[in-house]
C-alpha atoms as a PDB file:
ATOM      1  CA  VAL A   1     -32.680  14.183  -9.100  1.00  0.00           C
ATOM      2  CA  VAL A   2     -32.756  11.026  -7.008  1.00  0.00           C
ATOM      3  CA  PHE A   3     -30.190   8.337  -6.255  1.00  0.00           C
ATOM      4  CA  PHE A   4     -31.097   4.657  -6.124  1.00  0.00           C
ATOM      5  CA  PRO A   5     -29.018   1.897  -4.566  1.00  0.00           C
ATOM      6  CA  THR A   6     -28.598  -1.000  -6.975  1.00  0.00           C
ATOM      7  CA  GLU A   7     -27.897  -4.702  -6.663  1.00  0.00           C
ATOM      8  CA  LYS A   8     -24.520  -4.183  -8.333  1.00  0.00           C
ATOM      9  CA  GLN A   9     -21.816  -5.299  -5.883  1.00  0.00           C
ATOM     10  CA  THR A  10     -18.773  -3.079  -6.411  1.00  0.00           C
ATOM     11  CA  HIS A  11     -16.458  -4.596  -3.759  1.00  0.00           C
ATOM     12  CA  LEU A  12     -15.295  -1.055  -3.027  1.00  0.00           C
ATOM     13  CA  GLY A  13     -15.079   0.733   0.284  1.00  0.00           C
ATOM     14  CA  PHE A  14     -16.710   3.857  -1.158  1.00  0.00           C
ATOM     15  CA  LEU A  15     -19.813   4.780  -3.135  1.00  0.00           C
ATOM     16  CA  ILE A  16     -19.868   5.568  -6.829  1.00  0.00           C
ATOM     17  CA  GLN A  17     -22.439   8.058  -8.021  1.00  0.00           C
ATOM     18  CA  GLY A  18     -22.850   8.993 -11.662  1.00  0.00           C
ATOM     19  CA  PRO A  19     -25.223   8.962 -14.627  1.00  0.00           C
ATOM     20  CA  TYR A  20     -24.823   5.227 -15.180  1.00  0.00           C
ATOM     21  CA  ARG A  21     -27.525   3.573 -17.251  1.00  0.00           C
ATOM     22  CA  THR A  22     -29.689   1.173 -15.309  1.00  0.00           C
ATOM     23  CA  THR A  23     -32.109  -1.614 -16.037  1.00  0.00           C
ATOM     24  CA  PRO A  24     -35.766  -0.537 -16.465  1.00  0.00           C
ATOM     25  CA  ALA A  25     -36.432  -1.388 -12.823  1.00  0.00           C
ATOM     26  CA  ARG A  26     -33.413   0.770 -11.849  1.00  0.00           C
ATOM     27  CA  ASP A  27     -32.121  -2.036  -9.683  1.00  0.00           C
ATOM     28  CA  ASN A  28     -28.942  -2.899 -11.571  1.00  0.00           C
ATOM     29  CA  ILE A  29     -26.214  -1.577 -13.881  1.00  0.00           C
ATOM     30  CA  PRO A  30     -25.665  -3.432 -17.195  1.00  0.00           C
ATOM     31  CA  GLU A  31     -21.929  -4.112 -17.440  1.00  0.00           C
ATOM     32  CA  ARG A  32     -21.892  -4.490 -21.229  1.00  0.00           C
ATOM     33  CA  ASP A  33     -23.408  -1.075 -21.851  1.00  0.00           C
ATOM     34  CA  ARG A  34     -20.783   1.021 -23.639  1.00  0.00           C
ATOM     35  CA  SER A  35     -21.832   4.197 -21.869  1.00  0.00           C
ATOM     36  CA  ASN A  36     -21.413   2.507 -18.485  1.00  0.00           C
ATOM     37  CA  GLN A  37     -18.010   1.169 -19.489  1.00  0.00           C
ATOM     38  CA  ALA A  38     -16.921   4.651 -20.552  1.00  0.00           C
ATOM     39  CA  LEU A  39     -18.155   6.092 -17.237  1.00  0.00           C
ATOM     40  CA  ALA A  40     -16.245   3.411 -15.350  1.00  0.00           C
ATOM     41  CA  ARG A  41     -13.047   4.498 -17.115  1.00  0.00           C
ATOM     42  CA  GLU A  42     -13.743   8.116 -16.170  1.00  0.00           C
ATOM     43  CA  THR A  43     -14.400   7.026 -12.591  1.00  0.00           C
ATOM     44  CA  ALA A  44     -11.039   5.221 -12.597  1.00  0.00           C
ATOM     45  CA  ALA A  45      -9.258   8.391 -13.711  1.00  0.00           C
ATOM     46  CA  LEU A  46     -11.085  10.349 -11.013  1.00  0.00           C
ATOM     47  CA  LEU A  47      -9.989   7.823  -8.396  1.00  0.00           C
ATOM     48  CA  THR A  48      -6.319   8.649  -9.031  1.00  0.00           C
ATOM     49  CA  GLU A  49      -7.014  12.378  -8.757  1.00  0.00           C
ATOM     50  CA  VAL A  50      -8.893  11.879  -5.503  1.00  0.00           C
ATOM     51  CA  LEU A  51      -6.015   9.891  -4.017  1.00  0.00           C
ATOM     52  CA  ARG A  52      -3.642  12.748  -4.822  1.00  0.00           C
ATOM     53  CA  ASP A  53      -5.994  15.283  -3.265  1.00  0.00           C
ATOM     54  CA  ILE A  54      -6.388  13.210  -0.104  1.00  0.00           C
ATOM     55  CA  ARG A  55      -2.599  12.889   0.147  1.00  0.00           C
ATOM     56  CA  ASP A  56      -2.064  16.607  -0.357  1.00  0.00           C
ATOM     57  CA  GLN A  57      -4.474  17.265   2.513  1.00  0.00           C
ATOM     58  CA  ALA A  58      -2.439  14.882   4.718  1.00  0.00           C
ATOM     59  CA  LEU A  59      -5.444  12.575   5.036  1.00  0.00           C
ATOM     60  CA  LEU A  60      -4.141   9.529   3.179  1.00  0.00           C
ATOM     61  CA  THR A  61      -4.155   6.658   5.679  1.00  0.00           C
ATOM     62  CA  ALA A  62      -4.227   2.873   5.709  1.00  0.00           C
ATOM     63  CA  ASP A  63      -8.017   3.069   6.104  1.00  0.00           C
ATOM     64  CA  VAL A  64      -8.255   4.988   2.841  1.00  0.00           C
ATOM     65  CA  LEU A  65      -6.107   2.421   1.039  1.00  0.00           C
ATOM     66  CA  GLN A  66      -8.253  -0.399   2.400  1.00  0.00           C
ATOM     67  CA  ALA A  67     -11.251   1.153   0.655  1.00  0.00           C
ATOM     68  CA  LEU A  68      -9.573   0.697  -2.737  1.00  0.00           C
ATOM     69  CA  PRO A  69     -10.107  -2.238  -5.118  1.00  0.00           C
ATOM     70  CA  LEU A  70      -7.444  -4.584  -3.757  1.00  0.00           C
ATOM     71  CA  ASP A  71      -8.631  -8.071  -4.711  1.00  0.00           C
ATOM     72  CA  ALA A  72      -7.901  -8.865  -8.353  1.00  0.00           C
ATOM     73  CA  ALA A  73     -10.283 -11.836  -8.279  1.00  0.00           C
ATOM     74  CA  ARG A  74     -13.193  -9.450  -7.701  1.00  0.00           C
ATOM     75  CA  PHE A  75     -12.188  -7.293 -10.670  1.00  0.00           C
ATOM     76  CA  PRO A  76     -11.527  -9.786 -13.481  1.00  0.00           C
ATOM     77  CA  ALA A  77     -10.375  -8.711 -16.933  1.00  0.00           C
ATOM     78  CA  GLY A  78     -13.309  -7.404 -18.935  1.00  0.00           C
ATOM     79  CA  ALA A  79     -15.402  -6.485 -15.886  1.00  0.00           C
ATOM     80  CA  MET A  80     -16.940  -3.027 -15.951  1.00  0.00           C
ATOM     81  CA  LEU A  81     -15.082  -1.902 -12.805  1.00  0.00           C
ATOM     82  CA  ARG A  82     -11.735  -3.467 -13.761  1.00  0.00           C
ATOM     83  CA  PRO A  83     -10.385  -0.004 -14.757  1.00  0.00           C
ATOM     84  CA  LEU A  84     -10.670   1.092 -11.107  1.00  0.00           C
ATOM     85  CA  TYR A  85      -8.485  -1.807  -9.994  1.00  0.00           C
ATOM     86  CA  GLU A  86      -5.917  -1.050 -12.683  1.00  0.00           C
ATOM     87  CA  SER A  87      -5.969   2.686 -11.980  1.00  0.00           C
ATOM     88  CA  ALA A  88      -5.378   2.213  -8.252  1.00  0.00           C
ATOM     89  CA  ARG A  89      -2.576  -0.288  -8.872  1.00  0.00           C
ATOM     90  CA  THR A  90      -0.823   1.963 -11.407  1.00  0.00           C
ATOM     91  CA  ALA A  91      -1.044   4.960  -9.086  1.00  0.00           C
ATOM     92  CA  LEU A  92       0.320   3.105  -6.069  1.00  0.00           C
ATOM     93  CA  LEU A  93       3.173   1.692  -8.138  1.00  0.00           C
ATOM     94  CA  ALA A  94       4.252   4.994  -9.666  1.00  0.00           C
ATOM     95  CA  GLU A  95       3.378   7.759  -7.217  1.00  0.00           C
ATOM     96  CA  GLU A  96       3.987   8.694  -3.584  1.00  0.00           C
ATOM     97  CA  LEU A  97       0.635   7.463  -2.328  1.00  0.00           C
ATOM     98  CA  ILE A  98       1.503   4.969   0.414  1.00  0.00           C
ATOM     99  CA  PRO A  99       1.708   6.179   4.045  1.00  0.00           C
ATOM    100  CA  ALA A 100       5.293   5.989   5.268  1.00  0.00           C
ATOM    101  CA  GLY A 101       6.695   5.895   8.771  1.00  0.00           C
ATOM    102  CA  GLY A 102       6.960   9.383  10.183  1.00  0.00           C
ATOM    103  CA  ASP A 103       5.279  12.005   8.043  1.00  0.00           C
ATOM    104  CA  GLY A 104       3.975  11.940   4.510  1.00  0.00           C
ATOM    105  CA  CYS A 105       3.752   9.280   1.852  1.00  0.00           C
ATOM    106  CA  ALA A 106       6.268   7.490  -0.338  1.00  0.00           C
ATOM    107  CA  SER A 107       6.408   5.455  -3.515  1.00  0.00           C
ATOM    108  CA  ALA A 108       6.515   1.674  -3.497  1.00  0.00           C
ATOM    109  CA  ALA A 109      10.184   1.682  -4.524  1.00  0.00           C
ATOM    110  CA  ALA A 110      11.122   3.711  -1.435  1.00  0.00           C
ATOM    111  CA  LEU A 111       9.295   1.497   1.068  1.00  0.00           C
ATOM    112  CA  ARG A 112       9.623  -1.834   2.849  1.00  0.00           C
ATOM    113  CA  LEU A 113       7.262  -3.814   5.085  1.00  0.00           C
ATOM    114  CA  PRO A 114       8.730  -4.731   8.509  1.00  0.00           C
ATOM    115  CA  ALA A 115       7.979  -8.399   9.196  1.00  0.00           C
ATOM    116  CA  GLY A 116       9.253  -8.545  12.740  1.00  0.00           C
ATOM    117  CA  ALA A 117       9.027  -6.757  16.059  1.00  0.00           C
ATOM    118  CA  GLY A 118      11.486  -3.967  16.767  1.00  0.00           C
ATOM    119  CA  LEU A 119      12.574  -3.312  13.188  1.00  0.00           C
ATOM    120  CA  ARG A 120      10.881   0.085  12.951  1.00  0.00           C
ATOM    121  CA  GLU A 121      12.639   1.256  16.106  1.00  0.00           C
ATOM    122  CA  LEU A 122      15.998  -0.180  15.079  1.00  0.00           C
ATOM    123  CA  LEU A 123      16.426   1.070  11.520  1.00  0.00           C
ATOM    124  CA  ALA A 124      16.058   4.629  10.259  1.00  0.00           C
ATOM    125  CA  ALA A 125      15.414   5.257   6.562  1.00  0.00           C
ATOM    126  CA  ASP A 126      19.059   6.010   5.769  1.00  0.00           C
ATOM    127  CA  GLN A 127      20.214   2.837   7.530  1.00  0.00           C
ATOM    128  CA  LEU A 128      17.638   0.696   5.747  1.00  0.00           C
ATOM    129  CA  GLY A 129      18.642   2.205   2.414  1.00  0.00           C
ATOM    130  CA  ALA A 130      22.299   1.468   3.135  1.00  0.00           C
ATOM    131  CA  LEU A 131      21.521  -2.147   4.027  1.00  0.00           C
ATOM    132  CA  TYR A 132      19.743  -2.651   0.722  1.00  0.00           C
ATOM    133  CA  GLY A 133      22.369  -0.821  -1.323  1.00  0.00           C
ATOM    134  CA  ALA A 134      19.893   1.839  -2.446  1.00  0.00           C
ATOM    135  CA  ALA A 135      20.911   5.250  -3.706  1.00  0.00           C
ATOM    136  CA  GLN A 136      18.273   6.837  -1.475  1.00  0.00           C
ATOM    137  CA  PRO A 137      16.816   6.234   2.000  1.00  0.00           C
ATOM    138  CA  ILE A 138      14.179   3.511   2.270  1.00  0.00           C
ATOM    139  CA  ALA A 139      11.433   3.954   4.839  1.00  0.00           C
ATOM    140  CA  PHE A 140       9.146   1.439   6.452  1.00  0.00           C
ATOM    141  CA  ALA A 141       5.459   1.693   5.658  1.00  0.00           C
ATOM    142  CA  ASP A 142       3.464   3.474   8.327  1.00  0.00           C
ATOM    143  CA  GLU A 143       2.774   1.458  11.467  1.00  0.00           C
ATOM    144  CA  SER A 144      -0.953   1.516  10.635  1.00  0.00           C
ATOM    145  CA  VAL A 145      -0.086  -0.919   7.829  1.00  0.00           C
ATOM    146  CA  SER A 146       0.571  -4.253   9.522  1.00  0.00           C
ATOM    147  CA  GLU A 147       0.292  -7.932   8.740  1.00  0.00           C
ATOM    148  CA  ASN A 148      -2.129  -8.480  11.609  1.00  0.00           C
ATOM    149  CA  GLY A 149      -4.056  -5.213  11.589  1.00  0.00           C
ATOM    150  CA  THR A 150      -4.537  -4.780   7.839  1.00  0.00           C
ATOM    151  CA  PRO A 151      -3.824  -8.238   6.361  1.00  0.00           C
ATOM    152  CA  GLU A 152      -5.515  -7.676   2.986  1.00  0.00           C
ATOM    153  CA  LEU A 153      -3.693  -4.378   2.442  1.00  0.00           C
ATOM    154  CA  TRP A 154      -0.406  -5.943   3.581  1.00  0.00           C
ATOM    155  CA  ARG A 155      -0.741  -8.799   1.073  1.00  0.00           C
ATOM    156  CA  TYR A 156      -1.732  -6.384  -1.673  1.00  0.00           C
ATOM    157  CA  LEU A 157       1.274  -4.138  -1.107  1.00  0.00           C
ATOM    158  CA  ARG A 158       3.583  -7.152  -0.942  1.00  0.00           C
ATOM    159  CA  ASP A 159       2.185  -9.314  -3.755  1.00  0.00           C
ATOM    160  CA  GLU A 160       0.588  -6.842  -6.186  1.00  0.00           C
ATOM    161  CA  ILE A 161       2.657  -3.700  -5.638  1.00  0.00           C
ATOM    162  CA  GLY A 162       5.886  -5.566  -4.952  1.00  0.00           C
ATOM    163  CA  ILE A 163       6.997  -3.934  -1.700  1.00  0.00           C
ATOM    164  CA  GLY A 164       9.523  -6.254  -0.076  1.00  0.00           C
ATOM    165  CA  GLU A 165       9.296  -7.560   3.448  1.00  0.00           C
ATOM    166  CA  VAL A 166      12.164  -7.054   5.890  1.00  0.00           C
ATOM    167  CA  THR A 167      12.704  -9.784   8.474  1.00  0.00           C
ATOM    168  CA  PRO A 168      15.146  -9.783  11.398  1.00  0.00           C
ATOM    169  CA  GLU A 169      17.010 -12.639   9.722  1.00  0.00           C
ATOM    170  CA  ASP A 170      17.340 -10.615   6.538  1.00  0.00           C
ATOM    171  CA  VAL A 171      18.717  -7.648   8.459  1.00  0.00           C
ATOM    172  CA  ILE A 172      21.309  -9.785  10.234  1.00  0.00           C
ATOM    173  CA  GLY A 173      22.332 -11.342   6.935  1.00  0.00           C
ATOM    174  CA  ARG A 174      22.866  -7.968   5.296  1.00  0.00           C
ATOM    175  CA  ILE A 175      24.816  -6.258   8.054  1.00  0.00           C
ATOM    176  CA  SER A 176      28.521  -5.932   7.279  1.00  0.00           C
ATOM    177  CA  SER A 177      31.491  -4.752   9.261  1.00  0.00           C
ATOM    178  CA  GLU A 178      31.537  -1.564   7.172  1.00  0.00           C
ATOM    179  CA  PHE A 179      27.919  -0.881   8.079  1.00  0.00           C
ATOM    180  CA  LEU A 180      28.575  -1.427  11.767  1.00  0.00           C
ATOM    181  CA  GLN A 181      31.655   0.820  11.751  1.00  0.00           C
ATOM    182  CA  ALA A 182      29.526   3.675  10.391  1.00  0.00           C
ATOM    183  CA  GLN A 183      27.007   3.507  13.248  1.00  0.00           C
ATOM    184  CA  PRO A 184      27.228   5.439  16.541  1.00  0.00           C
ATOM    185  CA  ASP A 185      27.795   3.579  19.802  1.00  0.00           C
ATOM    186  CA  ALA A 186      24.218   4.198  20.971  1.00  0.00           C
ATOM    187  CA  TRP A 187      22.856   2.401  17.918  1.00  0.00           C
ATOM    188  CA  ILE A 188      25.252  -0.523  18.403  1.00  0.00           C
ATOM    189  CA  ALA A 189      23.829  -0.927  21.909  1.00  0.00           C
ATOM    190  CA  ARG A 190      20.270  -0.949  20.514  1.00  0.00           C
ATOM    191  CA  PHE A 191      21.336  -3.461  17.869  1.00  0.00           C
ATOM    192  CA  TYR A 192      22.686  -5.932  20.430  1.00  0.00           C
ATOM    193  CA  ALA A 193      19.544  -5.494  22.523  1.00  0.00           C
ATOM    194  CA  PHE A 194      17.508  -6.271  19.402  1.00  0.00           C
ATOM    195  CA  VAL A 195      19.534  -9.420  18.688  1.00  0.00           C
ATOM    196  CA  HIS A 196      19.388 -10.489  22.343  1.00  0.00           C
ATOM    197  CA  GLN A 197      15.573 -10.751  22.163  1.00  0.00           C
ATOM    198  CA  ASP A 198      15.685 -13.680  19.721  1.00  0.00           C
ATOM    199  CA  TYR A 199      18.086 -16.542  20.376  1.00  0.00           C
ATOM    200  CA  ALA A 200      17.711 -17.786  16.767  1.00  0.00           C
ATOM    201  CA  LEU A 201      19.380 -14.603  15.554  1.00  0.00           C
ATOM    202  CA  TRP A 202      22.522 -15.336  17.575  1.00  0.00           C
ATOM    203  CA  GLN A 203      23.462 -18.062  15.126  1.00  0.00           C
END
């Protein structure tokens, strides 16, 4: 058995190997071949299983997510590899497959993206959940996921998966007297230090 690289651009951060049918010169993969389309669907199902396995081994990182099909424009409807894009999106929407701050992974509904310095240090998951009126704690995505460090992944999680951004202005706007009364004095001190760093927040 031998493996040949083909001219087929997958736009994936990982290799796909399988009994795909090739052109006679073995340099390309016909997208309209029904067998290839069926294999692509099986590969998409395998992708979800692999993500779960990587998570269960505590190896699911931002680098792994960046290898996924993130750009919808590169996986248009009807394309042979479109099922991989859809499979990854469905899995990230429904399952705990996104690295969260601290340990482990969380679902999209239980995460937010911090769009401002100092937010991770200021707000614990229970505080963030209380600010957003959630019935459960809400964590920030892991610090390896950042607007500057992983911009494509950040945009994907925000725009395609629907994880909301948290800005300092949003936090200030949500804080109530009841919330402040429930916090310990040490946190109140950190909060005023946080506000002191940005004069615009004083208003």
